[in-house]
Amino acid sequence: MIQGTPRLTREELDSFIAMLTQNTGIIPRSSHLEGIKNYIEKQLEKKGISVVEYKNKLVTDKKLFSELINESTVNETYFFREEKQFLLLRDKIFPIWKATSSTLPIKIWSAACSFGEEAYSLALLAKNCGVNAIITASDINSQVLEHCKSGIFKSSSIRSVDGSSFKDLLTPYQNDGKIQFDSEIKNCISAKEINLSKIEEAQTQALLPKNQHIVFLRNVFIYFSQNLRLKILNAIAEKCLADNGILFVSMNETAQINFNEISPLLEKVMDGSIFYFKKKSLEVKANG
């Protein structure tokens, strides 16, 4: 048994971070390292085991490693974040879909959904626009996925500035300082645990949503290497997006994308100040 409160050395912490990055692709920011260190030290103390013993358990115990992942990922988001992209959906993309494909559901993937505000924002907006949406919400963090399934959020998930254009859509679901969605909204959304860093592996590819008309992949690239960003973008283009499908990334993350190396299936589109990728259609590819 380990006596007293264990203290990790920098080398030991680095070895845990290397394990985390190898298995998730996540490269934690320096500001997050202290929190990860504190969590590991508490686990060592709680379980009364050494650093080596804990590492061995992480290798063999999927649940234990999942708990470390949950503690190491940052999950701060809110409804209708980067609202300009939602305005584009409301004013152009959803109306076009309704006019041309109203008999079909639009398939949308929130690929790093965190607690689920993004997925529920999409479901609310689709309903408001008269569009039938099938939404997949995925994340590597199992705890936030359970929260997403509940459909219950704190009022702090609403911001007074960004996202305020859509606050009226949330009003019917607000009560006693929380937002609680009914079954009509929740039934539009299915939650799925997906590790984007393993997107090229067969086991992960079997889980990927296919033929998606819209993919939101936002506020996650900051934790990945340039090489992994490209792998994820290209895999989504090839395996997940339908022809003419649209891929949104965070406006803050466009500088982290090497446009010279992305899949030729993706074309860059600027609509006013809004940037997104669009997958070229089969006809364009055949004639291109």
Protein backbone atom coordinates (compact mmCIF):
# COMPACT_ATOMS: atom_id res chain seq x y z
CA MET A 1 0.00 0.00 0.00
CA ILE A 2 1.15 3.53 -0.76
CA GLN A 3 1.41 5.70 2.35
CA GLY A 4 0.61 9.41 2.27
CA THR A 5 -0.42 11.44 -0.77
CA PRO A 6 1.55 10.43 -3.89
CA ARG A 7 3.19 13.14 -5.95
CA LEU A 8 3.88 12.63 -9.64
CA THR A 9 7.20 13.70 -11.07
CA ARG A 10 7.18 15.62 -14.36
CA GLU A 11 8.50 12.52 -16.12
CA GLU A 12 5.70 10.38 -14.70
CA LEU A 13 3.07 12.92 -15.71
CA ASP A 14 4.56 13.10 -19.20
CA SER A 15 4.30 9.32 -19.50
CA PHE A 16 0.57 9.44 -18.66
CA ILE A 17 0.04 12.26 -21.17
CA ALA A 18 1.84 10.16 -23.80
CA MET A 19 -0.57 7.28 -23.10
CA LEU A 20 -3.51 9.65 -23.38
CA THR A 21 -2.30 11.12 -26.67
CA GLN A 22 -1.52 7.72 -28.15
CA ASN A 23 -5.03 6.44 -27.41
CA THR A 24 -7.11 9.56 -28.04
CA GLY A 25 -5.05 11.95 -30.13
CA ILE A 26 -5.59 14.58 -27.45
CA ILE A 27 -2.65 16.84 -26.69
CA PRO A 28 -3.75 18.63 -23.50
CA ARG A 29 -3.06 22.32 -23.16
CA SER A 30 -0.50 23.28 -20.56
CA SER A 31 -3.26 24.90 -18.50
CA HIS A 32 -4.99 21.51 -18.17
CA LEU A 33 -1.97 19.52 -17.02
CA GLU A 34 -2.26 20.43 -13.36
CA GLY A 35 -5.84 19.16 -13.23
CA ILE A 36 -4.85 15.87 -14.86
CA LYS A 37 -1.93 15.53 -12.45
CA ASN A 38 -4.20 16.11 -9.44
CA TYR A 39 -6.69 13.53 -10.71
CA ILE A 40 -4.01 10.85 -11.16
CA GLU A 41 -2.52 11.55 -7.73
CA LYS A 42 -5.96 11.19 -6.14
CA GLN A 43 -6.45 7.88 -7.95
CA LEU A 44 -3.10 6.59 -6.69
CA GLU A 45 -4.02 7.58 -3.15
CA LYS A 46 -7.55 6.22 -3.35
CA LYS A 47 -6.50 2.87 -4.77
CA GLY A 48 -3.30 2.62 -2.75
CA ILE A 49 -1.21 1.67 -5.79
CA SER A 50 2.01 2.79 -7.42
CA VAL A 51 2.42 4.68 -10.68
CA VAL A 52 3.48 1.47 -12.45
CA GLU A 53 0.49 -0.44 -11.08
CA TYR A 54 -1.91 2.29 -12.15
CA LYS A 55 -0.42 2.33 -15.66
CA ASN A 56 -0.84 -1.42 -15.94
CA LYS A 57 -4.47 -1.13 -14.84
CA LEU A 58 -5.09 1.59 -17.44
CA VAL A 59 -3.89 -0.78 -20.14
CA THR A 60 -6.14 -3.66 -19.09
CA ASP A 61 -9.19 -1.87 -17.66
CA LYS A 62 -11.16 -0.01 -20.34
CA LYS A 63 -13.49 1.58 -17.79
CA LEU A 64 -10.58 2.94 -15.77
CA PHE A 65 -8.96 4.43 -18.85
CA SER A 66 -12.30 5.89 -19.92
CA GLU A 67 -12.48 7.66 -16.55
CA LEU A 68 -9.04 9.19 -17.18
CA ILE A 69 -10.21 10.35 -20.62
CA ASN A 70 -13.32 11.89 -19.07
CA GLU A 71 -11.18 13.85 -16.61
CA SER A 72 -8.76 14.95 -19.32
CA THR A 73 -11.21 16.35 -21.86
CA VAL A 74 -12.55 19.88 -21.63
CA ASN A 75 -16.30 20.14 -22.16
CA GLU A 76 -17.42 23.74 -22.16
CA THR A 77 -19.99 24.76 -24.73
CA TYR A 78 -23.37 26.43 -25.04
CA PHE A 79 -26.44 26.61 -27.25
CA PHE A 80 -26.07 28.03 -30.76
CA ARG A 81 -22.35 28.65 -30.32
CA GLU A 82 -20.89 30.57 -33.29
CA GLU A 83 -24.41 31.59 -34.21
CA LYS A 84 -23.45 32.84 -37.68
CA GLN A 85 -23.21 29.22 -38.80
CA PHE A 86 -26.68 28.53 -37.42
CA LEU A 87 -27.99 31.65 -39.17
CA LEU A 88 -26.67 30.21 -42.45
CA LEU A 89 -28.53 26.98 -41.73
CA ARG A 90 -31.72 28.90 -40.93
CA ASP A 91 -31.62 31.35 -43.81
CA LYS A 92 -30.21 29.22 -46.65
CA ILE A 93 -29.35 25.59 -46.07
CA PHE A 94 -32.52 24.36 -44.34
CA PRO A 95 -34.88 26.29 -46.67
CA ILE A 96 -33.15 24.79 -49.72
CA TRP A 97 -33.45 21.32 -48.20
CA LYS A 98 -37.14 21.88 -47.43
CA ALA A 99 -37.78 23.08 -50.98
CA THR A 100 -35.92 20.28 -52.75
CA SER A 101 -35.91 17.27 -50.40
CA SER A 102 -38.79 17.79 -48.00
CA THR A 103 -39.82 14.13 -48.09
CA LEU A 104 -36.41 13.03 -46.80
CA PRO A 105 -34.83 13.52 -43.36
CA ILE A 106 -31.67 15.57 -43.26
CA LYS A 107 -28.84 13.66 -41.58
CA ILE A 108 -26.58 15.69 -39.29
CA TRP A 109 -23.58 14.61 -37.25
CA SER A 110 -22.35 16.59 -34.24
CA ALA A 111 -18.93 14.95 -34.20
CA ALA A 112 -17.55 16.36 -30.95
CA CYS A 113 -20.79 17.05 -29.16
CA SER A 114 -19.58 17.51 -25.56
CA PHE A 115 -22.62 17.75 -23.26
CA GLY A 116 -24.91 18.04 -26.27
CA GLU A 117 -25.83 21.71 -26.62
CA GLU A 118 -24.73 21.69 -30.26
CA ALA A 119 -26.86 18.65 -31.14
CA TYR A 120 -29.93 20.08 -29.41
CA SER A 121 -29.38 23.44 -31.10
CA LEU A 122 -29.46 21.65 -34.45
CA ALA A 123 -32.60 19.70 -33.51
CA LEU A 124 -34.40 22.85 -32.35
CA LEU A 125 -33.47 24.80 -35.45
CA ALA A 126 -34.47 22.00 -37.81
CA LYS A 127 -37.87 21.73 -36.11
CA ASN A 128 -38.35 25.50 -36.29
CA CYS A 129 -37.55 25.43 -40.01
CA GLY A 130 -39.95 22.56 -40.68
CA VAL A 131 -37.16 20.10 -41.50
CA ASN A 132 -37.12 16.49 -40.31
CA ALA A 133 -33.64 15.89 -38.87
CA ILE A 134 -31.83 12.74 -37.79
CA ILE A 135 -28.93 13.82 -35.60
CA THR A 136 -26.00 11.77 -34.36
CA ALA A 137 -24.15 13.21 -31.36
CA SER A 138 -20.75 11.66 -30.70
CA ASP A 139 -17.88 12.21 -28.30
CA ILE A 140 -15.01 10.27 -26.77
CA ASN A 141 -16.19 11.19 -23.27
CA SER A 142 -18.78 8.69 -22.03
CA GLN A 143 -19.96 10.93 -19.19
CA VAL A 144 -20.93 13.84 -21.40
CA LEU A 145 -22.81 11.46 -23.69
CA GLU A 146 -24.96 10.35 -20.77
CA HIS A 147 -25.68 14.00 -20.06
CA CYS A 148 -26.57 14.51 -23.71
CA LYS A 149 -29.06 11.65 -23.59
CA SER A 150 -30.80 13.17 -20.57
CA GLY A 151 -31.81 16.30 -22.47
CA ILE A 152 -31.45 18.42 -19.33
CA PHE A 153 -29.14 21.44 -19.22
CA LYS A 154 -28.31 24.30 -16.88
CA SER A 155 -29.39 27.82 -17.76
CA SER A 156 -25.68 28.72 -17.97
CA SER A 157 -25.70 26.92 -21.34
CA ILE A 158 -27.36 30.02 -22.76
CA ARG A 159 -25.13 33.01 -23.48
CA SER A 160 -26.33 36.62 -23.60
CA VAL A 161 -24.37 37.50 -26.75
CA ASP A 162 -23.28 34.60 -28.99
CA GLY A 163 -26.35 32.49 -29.71
CA SER A 164 -28.80 35.18 -28.58
CA SER A 165 -30.50 35.27 -31.99
CA PHE A 166 -32.04 31.89 -31.16
CA LYS A 167 -32.86 32.28 -27.49
CA ASP A 168 -36.61 32.29 -28.23
CA LEU A 169 -36.33 28.72 -29.49
CA LEU A 170 -35.19 27.66 -26.01
CA THR A 171 -37.87 29.53 -24.06
CA PRO A 172 -40.54 26.76 -24.19
CA TYR A 173 -38.10 24.35 -22.55
CA GLN A 174 -36.91 26.63 -19.72
CA ASN A 175 -38.19 26.16 -16.19
CA ASP A 176 -36.75 26.59 -12.67
CA GLY A 177 -33.30 27.59 -13.88
CA LYS A 178 -32.83 24.68 -16.25
CA ILE A 179 -33.60 23.65 -19.81
CA GLN A 180 -35.39 20.34 -20.22
CA PHE A 181 -36.26 19.00 -23.66
CA ASP A 182 -39.27 16.84 -24.41
CA SER A 183 -39.26 13.48 -26.18
CA GLU A 184 -39.97 15.06 -29.56
CA ILE A 185 -36.62 16.83 -29.50
CA LYS A 186 -34.69 14.06 -27.72
CA ASN A 187 -35.90 11.44 -30.20
CA CYS A 188 -34.18 13.33 -33.03
CA ILE A 189 -30.81 12.67 -31.39
CA SER A 190 -28.85 9.46 -30.89
CA ALA A 191 -25.64 9.50 -28.84
CA LYS A 192 -22.64 7.40 -29.80
CA GLU A 193 -19.13 7.06 -28.34
CA ILE A 194 -16.58 7.60 -31.13
CA ASN A 195 -12.83 8.09 -30.82
CA LEU A 196 -11.94 10.38 -33.73
CA SER A 197 -8.23 9.70 -33.31
CA LYS A 198 -8.91 6.10 -34.41
CA ILE A 199 -11.01 7.15 -37.40
CA GLU A 200 -8.93 5.12 -39.86
CA GLU A 201 -9.37 1.88 -37.91
CA ALA A 202 -12.03 -0.61 -39.02
CA GLN A 203 -13.66 -0.78 -35.60
CA THR A 204 -14.20 3.00 -35.56
CA GLN A 205 -15.26 3.17 -39.19
CA ALA A 206 -18.05 0.71 -38.43
CA LEU A 207 -19.43 3.28 -35.95
CA LEU A 208 -19.19 6.33 -38.19
CA PRO A 209 -22.44 7.94 -39.37
CA LYS A 210 -22.66 7.52 -43.14
CA ASN A 211 -24.21 9.68 -45.89
CA GLN A 212 -24.40 12.72 -43.66
CA HIS A 213 -25.73 15.90 -45.23
CA ILE A 214 -24.20 18.15 -42.56
CA VAL A 215 -21.30 17.52 -40.18
CA PHE A 216 -20.32 19.83 -37.33
CA LEU A 217 -16.70 19.23 -36.27
CA ARG A 218 -15.96 22.22 -34.09
CA ASN A 219 -13.68 23.21 -31.22
CA VAL A 220 -11.77 19.94 -31.20
CA PHE A 221 -8.86 20.48 -33.62
CA ILE A 222 -7.01 22.55 -31.03
CA TYR A 223 -6.28 19.30 -29.17
CA PHE A 224 -5.00 17.36 -32.22
CA SER A 225 -1.78 17.35 -34.21
CA GLN A 226 -1.79 18.70 -37.77
CA ASN A 227 -1.43 15.19 -39.14
CA LEU A 228 -4.40 13.89 -37.16
CA ARG A 229 -6.56 16.85 -38.22
CA LEU A 230 -5.97 15.96 -41.85
CA LYS A 231 -6.71 12.27 -41.26
CA ILE A 232 -10.02 13.13 -39.62
CA LEU A 233 -11.05 15.65 -42.28
CA ASN A 234 -10.19 13.31 -45.12
CA ALA A 235 -11.88 10.30 -43.51
CA ILE A 236 -15.08 12.29 -42.96
CA ALA A 237 -15.00 13.42 -46.59
CA GLU A 238 -14.55 9.89 -47.87
CA LYS A 239 -16.61 7.85 -45.39
CA CYS A 240 -19.24 10.11 -43.86
CA LEU A 241 -20.35 13.00 -46.04
CA ALA A 242 -23.00 12.57 -48.72
CA ASP A 243 -22.33 14.19 -52.09
CA ASN A 244 -22.81 17.95 -51.73
CA GLY A 245 -22.69 17.45 -47.95
CA ILE A 246 -21.44 20.32 -45.80
CA LEU A 247 -18.74 20.22 -43.12
CA PHE A 248 -18.50 23.03 -40.58
CA VAL A 249 -15.40 23.58 -38.47
CA SER A 250 -14.99 26.28 -35.86
CA MET A 251 -14.20 29.68 -37.35
CA ASN A 252 -11.36 29.88 -34.84
CA GLU A 253 -9.79 26.67 -36.12
CA THR A 254 -9.47 27.38 -39.83
CA ALA A 255 -5.90 28.61 -39.34
CA GLN A 256 -5.00 25.16 -38.01
CA ILE A 257 -5.97 23.40 -41.25
CA ASN A 258 -3.45 22.78 -44.01
CA PHE A 259 -5.62 23.43 -47.05
CA ASN A 260 -2.95 22.13 -49.40
CA GLU A 261 -3.31 18.61 -48.04
CA ILE A 262 -7.03 18.16 -47.52
CA SER A 263 -8.99 15.66 -49.61
CA PRO A 264 -9.72 16.76 -53.19
CA LEU A 265 -13.31 15.74 -52.43
CA LEU A 266 -13.66 18.87 -50.29
CA GLU A 267 -14.00 22.34 -51.69
CA LYS A 268 -13.74 25.49 -49.59
CA VAL A 269 -16.79 27.73 -49.60
CA MET A 270 -17.13 31.28 -48.28
CA ASP A 271 -20.63 32.65 -47.79
CA GLY A 272 -20.14 36.17 -46.52
CA SER A 273 -18.04 35.72 -43.40
CA ILE A 274 -18.98 32.05 -43.00
CA PHE A 275 -16.54 29.38 -44.09
CA TYR A 276 -17.32 25.70 -44.63
CA PHE A 277 -16.32 22.69 -46.71
CA LYS A 278 -18.59 21.14 -49.31
CA LYS A 279 -18.14 17.65 -50.71
CA LYS A 280 -18.04 17.60 -54.47
CA SER A 281 -20.80 15.64 -56.14
CA LEU A 282 -20.19 12.48 -58.14
CA GLU A 283 -20.90 14.39 -61.32
CA VAL A 284 -18.31 17.06 -60.49
CA LYS A 285 -15.74 14.40 -59.59
CA ALA A 286 -16.38 12.53 -62.82
CA ASN A 287 -15.93 15.64 -64.94
CA GLY A 288 -13.20 17.23 -62.79
